[in-house]
Amino acid sequence: MQKITNDLYAGLKTLASCCGLLLLSAGALRAQSFAFTVSVKNPASHYLNVELLAKDMAPGIIDFRMPVWTPGYYQFLNFHENVENLAIEDGKGNLLE
């Protein structure tokens, strides 16, 4: 009976610690939204125009990354080599470098 009580107490203590960490980290989490727009201005060129609109982002540096593989085809493809004319704007339409 004592072992069950000790195990239960240890489990509740772990659960309380996890809940405490979750509550402390909740302030750092923000609702963020992403919207992608894909268009083809010149179908003969075989190029796509991709626009990413990121809203409600935390201030500071934001690191966007492009994966080098696709699910089900686990080979490095280096998609970044095909990106052309990349432009980044802030919320006011000012170009960023």
N, C-alpha and C. Protein backbone atom coordinates (compact mmCIF):
# COMPACT_ATOMS: atom_id res chain seq x y z
N MET A 1 0.82 -1.19 0.00
CA MET A 1 0.00 0.00 0.00
C MET A 1 0.87 1.26 0.00
N GLN A 2 1.95 1.24 0.77
CA GLN A 2 2.85 2.39 0.84
C GLN A 2 3.50 2.67 -0.51
N LYS A 3 3.86 1.59 -1.28
CA LYS A 3 4.49 1.76 -2.59
C LYS A 3 3.52 2.42 -3.55
N ILE A 4 2.26 2.02 -3.53
CA ILE A 4 1.25 2.63 -4.40
C ILE A 4 1.11 4.11 -4.09
N THR A 5 1.08 4.45 -2.82
CA THR A 5 0.95 5.85 -2.42
C THR A 5 2.17 6.65 -2.88
N ASN A 6 3.37 6.09 -2.71
CA ASN A 6 4.58 6.78 -3.16
C ASN A 6 4.61 6.96 -4.67
N ASP A 7 4.21 5.91 -5.41
CA ASP A 7 4.17 5.99 -6.87
C ASP A 7 3.14 7.03 -7.33
N LEU A 8 1.99 7.05 -6.68
CA LEU A 8 0.95 8.02 -7.02
C LEU A 8 1.43 9.44 -6.74
N TYR A 9 2.08 9.62 -5.60
CA TYR A 9 2.60 10.93 -5.23
C TYR A 9 3.65 11.39 -6.25
N ALA A 10 4.54 10.49 -6.66
CA ALA A 10 5.58 10.82 -7.63
C ALA A 10 4.95 11.19 -8.98
N GLY A 11 3.92 10.46 -9.38
CA GLY A 11 3.23 10.75 -10.64
C GLY A 11 2.55 12.11 -10.61
N LEU A 12 1.88 12.41 -9.49
CA LEU A 12 1.21 13.70 -9.36
C LEU A 12 2.22 14.85 -9.32
N LYS A 13 3.35 14.60 -8.70
CA LYS A 13 4.39 15.62 -8.63
C LYS A 13 4.94 15.92 -10.04
N THR A 14 5.14 14.88 -10.83
CA THR A 14 5.61 15.05 -12.21
C THR A 14 4.57 15.79 -13.04
N LEU A 15 3.30 15.41 -12.88
CA LEU A 15 2.22 16.07 -13.61
C LEU A 15 2.14 17.55 -13.25
N ALA A 16 2.26 17.86 -11.97
CA ALA A 16 2.21 19.26 -11.53
C ALA A 16 3.39 20.05 -12.10
N SER A 17 4.56 19.44 -12.16
CA SER A 17 5.73 20.11 -12.73
C SER A 17 5.53 20.40 -14.21
N CYS A 18 4.99 19.43 -14.94
CA CYS A 18 4.73 19.62 -16.37
C CYS A 18 3.70 20.73 -16.60
N CYS A 19 2.65 20.73 -15.80
CA CYS A 19 1.62 21.78 -15.93
C CYS A 19 2.22 23.15 -15.62
N GLY A 20 3.07 23.22 -14.62
CA GLY A 20 3.72 24.49 -14.28
C GLY A 20 4.59 25.00 -15.41
N LEU A 21 5.36 24.11 -16.03
CA LEU A 21 6.20 24.51 -17.16
C LEU A 21 5.35 24.97 -18.34
N LEU A 22 4.25 24.28 -18.57
CA LEU A 22 3.34 24.66 -19.66
C LEU A 22 2.78 26.05 -19.43
N LEU A 23 2.35 26.33 -18.21
CA LEU A 23 1.79 27.65 -17.90
C LEU A 23 2.84 28.74 -18.02
N LEU A 24 4.06 28.46 -17.60
CA LEU A 24 5.13 29.45 -17.71
C LEU A 24 5.50 29.74 -19.16
N SER A 25 5.47 28.71 -19.99
CA SER A 25 5.85 28.91 -21.39
C SER A 25 4.70 29.44 -22.23
N ALA A 26 3.48 29.41 -21.73
CA ALA A 26 2.33 29.87 -22.51
C ALA A 26 2.45 31.35 -22.85
N GLY A 27 3.08 32.13 -22.00
CA GLY A 27 3.24 33.55 -22.29
C GLY A 27 4.14 33.80 -23.48
N ALA A 28 5.05 32.89 -23.76
CA ALA A 28 5.96 33.05 -24.89
C ALA A 28 5.31 32.65 -26.21
N LEU A 29 4.23 31.91 -26.14
CA LEU A 29 3.55 31.46 -27.35
C LEU A 29 2.59 32.53 -27.83
N ARG A 30 2.55 32.73 -29.13
CA ARG A 30 1.63 33.69 -29.72
C ARG A 30 0.93 33.02 -30.89
N ALA A 31 -0.30 33.43 -31.12
CA ALA A 31 -1.01 32.94 -32.28
C ALA A 31 -0.40 33.58 -33.52
N GLN A 32 0.06 32.78 -34.44
CA GLN A 32 0.66 33.27 -35.67
C GLN A 32 -0.11 32.69 -36.83
N SER A 33 -0.24 33.46 -37.89
CA SER A 33 -0.93 32.93 -39.06
C SER A 33 -0.06 33.11 -40.29
N PHE A 34 -0.13 32.14 -41.16
CA PHE A 34 0.61 32.16 -42.42
C PHE A 34 -0.38 31.95 -43.55
N ALA A 35 -0.22 32.70 -44.62
CA ALA A 35 -1.06 32.53 -45.80
C ALA A 35 -0.15 32.50 -47.02
N PHE A 36 -0.28 31.45 -47.81
CA PHE A 36 0.50 31.33 -49.04
C PHE A 36 -0.39 31.65 -50.23
N THR A 37 0.14 32.38 -51.19
CA THR A 37 -0.53 32.63 -52.46
C THR A 37 0.42 32.17 -53.56
N VAL A 38 -0.06 31.26 -54.39
CA VAL A 38 0.74 30.75 -55.50
C VAL A 38 0.06 31.17 -56.79
N SER A 39 0.80 31.80 -57.69
CA SER A 39 0.24 32.23 -58.96
C SER A 39 1.23 31.94 -60.09
N VAL A 40 0.69 31.88 -61.30
CA VAL A 40 1.50 31.66 -62.49
C VAL A 40 1.25 32.84 -63.43
N LYS A 41 2.22 33.73 -63.54
CA LYS A 41 2.05 34.91 -64.40
C LYS A 41 2.32 34.59 -65.86
N ASN A 42 3.26 33.68 -66.11
CA ASN A 42 3.60 33.30 -67.48
C ASN A 42 3.76 31.78 -67.53
N PRO A 43 2.70 31.05 -67.90
CA PRO A 43 2.76 29.59 -67.88
C PRO A 43 3.88 29.00 -68.74
N ALA A 44 4.25 29.66 -69.81
CA ALA A 44 5.29 29.14 -70.69
C ALA A 44 6.66 29.14 -70.01
N SER A 45 6.84 29.96 -68.99
CA SER A 45 8.14 30.04 -68.32
C SER A 45 8.34 28.93 -67.29
N HIS A 46 7.27 28.27 -66.90
CA HIS A 46 7.32 27.20 -65.89
C HIS A 46 7.79 27.71 -64.53
N TYR A 47 7.57 28.99 -64.25
CA TYR A 47 7.89 29.58 -62.97
C TYR A 47 6.62 29.84 -62.18
N LEU A 48 6.70 29.67 -60.87
CA LEU A 48 5.60 30.00 -59.98
C LEU A 48 5.98 31.23 -59.16
N ASN A 49 5.00 32.04 -58.87
CA ASN A 49 5.19 33.15 -57.94
C ASN A 49 4.57 32.73 -56.63
N VAL A 50 5.35 32.72 -55.58
CA VAL A 50 4.88 32.30 -54.26
C VAL A 50 5.01 33.48 -53.31
N GLU A 51 3.91 33.79 -52.65
CA GLU A 51 3.91 34.87 -51.66
C GLU A 51 3.51 34.29 -50.32
N LEU A 52 4.27 34.61 -49.30
CA LEU A 52 3.98 34.17 -47.93
C LEU A 52 3.66 35.41 -47.12
N LEU A 53 2.48 35.45 -46.54
CA LEU A 53 2.09 36.54 -45.65
C LEU A 53 2.06 35.99 -44.24
N ALA A 54 2.94 36.51 -43.39
CA ALA A 54 3.03 36.07 -42.00
C ALA A 54 2.50 37.18 -41.11
N LYS A 55 1.45 36.88 -40.34
CA LYS A 55 0.84 37.88 -39.46
C LYS A 55 1.07 37.52 -38.00
N ASP A 56 0.99 38.56 -37.17
CA ASP A 56 1.07 38.40 -35.71
C ASP A 56 2.36 37.70 -35.27
N MET A 57 3.46 38.06 -35.90
CA MET A 57 4.74 37.46 -35.56
C MET A 57 5.36 38.20 -34.37
N ALA A 58 6.09 37.48 -33.57
CA ALA A 58 6.80 38.08 -32.44
C ALA A 58 7.88 39.01 -32.98
N PRO A 59 8.13 40.12 -32.31
CA PRO A 59 9.17 41.03 -32.79
C PRO A 59 10.55 40.39 -32.70
N GLY A 60 11.44 40.83 -33.56
CA GLY A 60 12.80 40.30 -33.56
C GLY A 60 13.10 39.55 -34.83
N ILE A 61 14.12 38.75 -34.79
CA ILE A 61 14.56 38.00 -35.96
C ILE A 61 13.71 36.74 -36.11
N ILE A 62 13.24 36.51 -37.33
CA ILE A 62 12.44 35.33 -37.64
C ILE A 62 13.21 34.52 -38.68
N ASP A 63 13.40 33.26 -38.42
CA ASP A 63 14.19 32.39 -39.28
C ASP A 63 13.26 31.47 -40.05
N PHE A 64 13.13 31.69 -41.37
CA PHE A 64 12.34 30.81 -42.23
C PHE A 64 13.31 29.86 -42.93
N ARG A 65 12.91 28.61 -43.04
CA ARG A 65 13.76 27.62 -43.69
C ARG A 65 12.96 26.82 -44.70
N MET A 66 13.65 26.35 -45.72
CA MET A 66 13.04 25.53 -46.76
C MET A 66 13.60 24.12 -46.63
N PRO A 67 12.73 23.11 -46.54
CA PRO A 67 13.24 21.74 -46.40
C PRO A 67 13.97 21.30 -47.67
N VAL A 68 14.89 20.38 -47.53
CA VAL A 68 15.63 19.87 -48.68
C VAL A 68 15.09 18.52 -49.15
N TRP A 69 13.99 18.07 -48.57
CA TRP A 69 13.41 16.79 -48.96
C TRP A 69 11.89 16.90 -48.92
N THR A 70 11.23 15.94 -49.53
CA THR A 70 9.77 15.86 -49.48
C THR A 70 9.38 14.52 -48.87
N PRO A 71 8.25 14.45 -48.17
CA PRO A 71 7.83 13.18 -47.57
C PRO A 71 7.68 12.09 -48.63
N GLY A 72 8.17 10.93 -48.33
CA GLY A 72 8.06 9.79 -49.23
C GLY A 72 9.18 9.72 -50.26
N TYR A 73 9.97 10.76 -50.36
CA TYR A 73 11.06 10.79 -51.34
C TYR A 73 12.28 11.34 -50.62
N TYR A 74 12.89 10.53 -49.82
CA TYR A 74 13.94 10.97 -48.90
C TYR A 74 15.29 11.07 -49.60
N GLN A 75 15.39 12.09 -50.42
CA GLN A 75 16.62 12.39 -51.13
C GLN A 75 16.83 13.90 -51.03
N PHE A 76 18.04 14.35 -50.82
CA PHE A 76 18.30 15.78 -50.76
C PHE A 76 18.15 16.39 -52.14
N LEU A 77 17.28 17.40 -52.26
CA LEU A 77 16.98 17.99 -53.56
C LEU A 77 17.42 19.44 -53.69
N ASN A 78 17.78 20.10 -52.59
CA ASN A 78 18.29 21.47 -52.62
C ASN A 78 17.39 22.43 -53.39
N PHE A 79 16.14 22.52 -52.97
CA PHE A 79 15.18 23.40 -53.62
C PHE A 79 15.61 24.86 -53.60
N HIS A 80 16.39 25.25 -52.60
CA HIS A 80 16.81 26.64 -52.47
C HIS A 80 17.60 27.13 -53.68
N GLU A 81 18.21 26.22 -54.42
CA GLU A 81 18.99 26.62 -55.59
C GLU A 81 18.10 27.16 -56.71
N ASN A 82 16.80 26.88 -56.65
CA ASN A 82 15.88 27.32 -57.70
C ASN A 82 15.11 28.58 -57.34
N VAL A 83 15.38 29.17 -56.20
CA VAL A 83 14.69 30.39 -55.79
C VAL A 83 15.32 31.58 -56.51
N GLU A 84 14.48 32.39 -57.15
CA GLU A 84 14.95 33.58 -57.85
C GLU A 84 14.12 34.78 -57.42
N ASN A 85 14.74 35.95 -57.46
CA ASN A 85 14.05 37.22 -57.19
C ASN A 85 13.34 37.21 -55.84
N LEU A 86 14.04 36.82 -54.81
CA LEU A 86 13.47 36.81 -53.46
C LEU A 86 13.42 38.23 -52.92
N ALA A 87 12.26 38.65 -52.46
CA ALA A 87 12.10 39.98 -51.86
C ALA A 87 11.35 39.81 -50.54
N ILE A 88 11.79 40.53 -49.52
CA ILE A 88 11.17 40.46 -48.20
C ILE A 88 10.78 41.87 -47.78
N GLU A 89 9.53 42.01 -47.35
CA GLU A 89 9.01 43.32 -46.92
C GLU A 89 8.54 43.24 -45.49
N ASP A 90 8.61 44.38 -44.80
CA ASP A 90 8.04 44.44 -43.46
C ASP A 90 6.55 44.75 -43.57
N GLY A 91 5.89 44.91 -42.45
CA GLY A 91 4.45 45.15 -42.44
C GLY A 91 4.02 46.44 -43.11
N LYS A 92 4.96 47.35 -43.34
CA LYS A 92 4.65 48.63 -43.98
C LYS A 92 5.01 48.64 -45.46
N GLY A 93 5.47 47.50 -45.98
CA GLY A 93 5.84 47.42 -47.39
C GLY A 93 7.26 47.84 -47.69
N ASN A 94 8.07 48.07 -46.68
CA ASN A 94 9.47 48.44 -46.88
C ASN A 94 10.30 47.18 -47.13
N LEU A 95 11.16 47.23 -48.15
CA LEU A 95 12.02 46.09 -48.45
C LEU A 95 13.05 45.90 -47.35
N LEU A 96 13.24 44.64 -46.96
CA LEU A 96 14.25 44.28 -45.96
C LEU A 96 15.41 43.60 -46.67
N GLU A 97 16.58 43.67 -46.07
CA GLU A 97 17.74 43.00 -46.64
C GLU A 97 18.12 41.79 -45.83
